[in-house]
Amino acid sequence: MDQPLRKWLAARLKSQRQLLGMTQAVVAERCGICTRYYQKLEKGLVNASLDVALRLAHVLAFSLDAYHNETGD
């Protein structure tokens, strides 16, 4: 995952989580990942596998296609 995509995902995770009123722990649990890993994803410190990114998008109700729509990349 390249840095612009990682930063976009981090920002999207945080904004969607807050919009839905969920805690980091709840999102992590619903995605089957540990809370610490989710926190690192939300800060843009680590990459997400495609599987994890898809689970996050499902739980937080957004499309990964939005990256291309919003950035043109």
C-alpha atoms as a PDB file:
ATOM      1  CA  MET A   1       0.000   0.000   0.000  1.00  0.00           C
ATOM      2  CA  ASP A   2       1.511   3.319  -0.987  1.00  0.00           C
ATOM      3  CA  GLN A   3       1.725   6.239   1.407  1.00  0.00           C
ATOM      4  CA  PRO A   4      -1.058   8.388  -0.137  1.00  0.00           C
ATOM      5  CA  LEU A   5      -3.443   5.431   0.029  1.00  0.00           C
ATOM      6  CA  ARG A   6      -2.397   4.628   3.601  1.00  0.00           C
ATOM      7  CA  LYS A   7      -2.993   8.254   4.658  1.00  0.00           C
ATOM      8  CA  TRP A   8      -6.341   8.369   2.864  1.00  0.00           C
ATOM      9  CA  LEU A   9      -7.431   5.139   4.548  1.00  0.00           C
ATOM     10  CA  ALA A  10      -6.335   6.429   7.957  1.00  0.00           C
ATOM     11  CA  ALA A  11      -8.370   9.608   7.568  1.00  0.00           C
ATOM     12  CA  ARG A  12     -11.388   7.690   6.242  1.00  0.00           C
ATOM     13  CA  LEU A  13     -11.272   5.190   9.115  1.00  0.00           C
ATOM     14  CA  LYS A  14     -11.299   7.922  11.722  1.00  0.00           C
ATOM     15  CA  SER A  15     -13.981  10.065  10.095  1.00  0.00           C
ATOM     16  CA  GLN A  16     -16.332   7.136   9.403  1.00  0.00           C
ATOM     17  CA  ARG A  17     -15.809   5.659  12.867  1.00  0.00           C
ATOM     18  CA  GLN A  18     -16.637   8.984  14.497  1.00  0.00           C
ATOM     19  CA  LEU A  19     -19.591   9.555  12.177  1.00  0.00           C
ATOM     20  CA  LEU A  20     -21.013   6.186  13.206  1.00  0.00           C
ATOM     21  CA  GLY A  21     -20.296   6.821  16.903  1.00  0.00           C
ATOM     22  CA  MET A  22     -18.105   3.745  17.265  1.00  0.00           C
ATOM     23  CA  THR A  23     -15.042   3.288  19.433  1.00  0.00           C
ATOM     24  CA  GLN A  24     -11.759   1.971  18.065  1.00  0.00           C
ATOM     25  CA  ALA A  25     -12.236  -1.163  20.143  1.00  0.00           C
ATOM     26  CA  VAL A  26     -15.669  -1.862  18.663  1.00  0.00           C
ATOM     27  CA  VAL A  27     -14.423  -1.437  15.083  1.00  0.00           C
ATOM     28  CA  ALA A  28     -11.449  -3.684  15.769  1.00  0.00           C
ATOM     29  CA  GLU A  29     -13.621  -6.377  17.343  1.00  0.00           C
ATOM     30  CA  ARG A  30     -16.098  -6.349  14.459  1.00  0.00           C
ATOM     31  CA  CYS A  31     -13.216  -6.648  11.979  1.00  0.00           C
ATOM     32  CA  GLY A  32     -11.494  -9.430  13.905  1.00  0.00           C
ATOM     33  CA  ILE A  33      -8.292  -7.460  14.527  1.00  0.00           C
ATOM     34  CA  CYS A  34      -6.680  -6.226  17.722  1.00  0.00           C
ATOM     35  CA  THR A  35      -7.402  -2.713  18.916  1.00  0.00           C
ATOM     36  CA  ARG A  36      -3.732  -1.702  18.867  1.00  0.00           C
ATOM     37  CA  TYR A  37      -3.427  -2.682  15.211  1.00  0.00           C
ATOM     38  CA  TYR A  38      -6.571  -0.683  14.399  1.00  0.00           C
ATOM     39  CA  GLN A  39      -5.147   2.337  16.226  1.00  0.00           C
ATOM     40  CA  LYS A  40      -1.986   2.114  14.106  1.00  0.00           C
ATOM     41  CA  LEU A  41      -4.086   1.868  10.945  1.00  0.00           C
ATOM     42  CA  GLU A  42      -6.087   4.929  11.946  1.00  0.00           C
ATOM     43  CA  LYS A  43      -2.867   6.871  12.521  1.00  0.00           C
ATOM     44  CA  GLY A  44      -1.480   5.755   9.165  1.00  0.00           C
ATOM     45  CA  LEU A  45       1.472   3.985  10.764  1.00  0.00           C
ATOM     46  CA  VAL A  46       0.927   0.552   9.201  1.00  0.00           C
ATOM     47  CA  ASN A  47      -0.480  -0.913   6.020  1.00  0.00           C
ATOM     48  CA  ALA A  48      -3.681  -2.918   5.889  1.00  0.00           C
ATOM     49  CA  SER A  49      -3.907  -6.109   3.895  1.00  0.00           C
ATOM     50  CA  LEU A  50      -6.621  -6.165   1.252  1.00  0.00           C
ATOM     51  CA  ASP A  51      -8.637  -8.533   3.432  1.00  0.00           C
ATOM     52  CA  VAL A  52      -8.466  -6.215   6.445  1.00  0.00           C
ATOM     53  CA  ALA A  53      -9.178  -3.123   4.321  1.00  0.00           C
ATOM     54  CA  LEU A  54     -12.294  -4.793   2.906  1.00  0.00           C
ATOM     55  CA  ARG A  55     -13.503  -5.789   6.391  1.00  0.00           C
ATOM     56  CA  LEU A  56     -12.924  -2.238   7.644  1.00  0.00           C
ATOM     57  CA  ALA A  57     -14.817  -0.775   4.691  1.00  0.00           C
ATOM     58  CA  HIS A  58     -17.720  -3.137   5.348  1.00  0.00           C
ATOM     59  CA  VAL A  59     -17.894  -2.417   9.089  1.00  0.00           C
ATOM     60  CA  LEU A  60     -17.557   1.339   8.591  1.00  0.00           C
ATOM     61  CA  ALA A  61     -19.884   1.458   5.567  1.00  0.00           C
ATOM     62  CA  PHE A  62     -17.632   2.980   2.935  1.00  0.00           C
ATOM     63  CA  SER A  63     -16.232   1.878  -0.399  1.00  0.00           C
ATOM     64  CA  LEU A  64     -12.552   1.522  -1.156  1.00  0.00           C
ATOM     65  CA  ASP A  65     -13.430   2.809  -4.635  1.00  0.00           C
ATOM     66  CA  ALA A  66     -13.903   6.206  -3.009  1.00  0.00           C
ATOM     67  CA  TYR A  67     -10.105   6.586  -2.980  1.00  0.00           C
ATOM     68  CA  HIS A  68     -10.024   6.707  -6.762  1.00  0.00           C
ATOM     69  CA  ASN A  69     -13.119   8.905  -6.932  1.00  0.00           C
ATOM     70  CA  GLU A  70     -11.733  11.413  -4.427  1.00  0.00           C
ATOM     71  CA  THR A  71      -8.080  11.475  -5.502  1.00  0.00           C
ATOM     72  CA  GLY A  72      -8.220  10.574  -9.170  1.00  0.00           C
ATOM     73  CA  ASP A  73      -5.410   8.039  -8.579  1.00  0.00           C
END
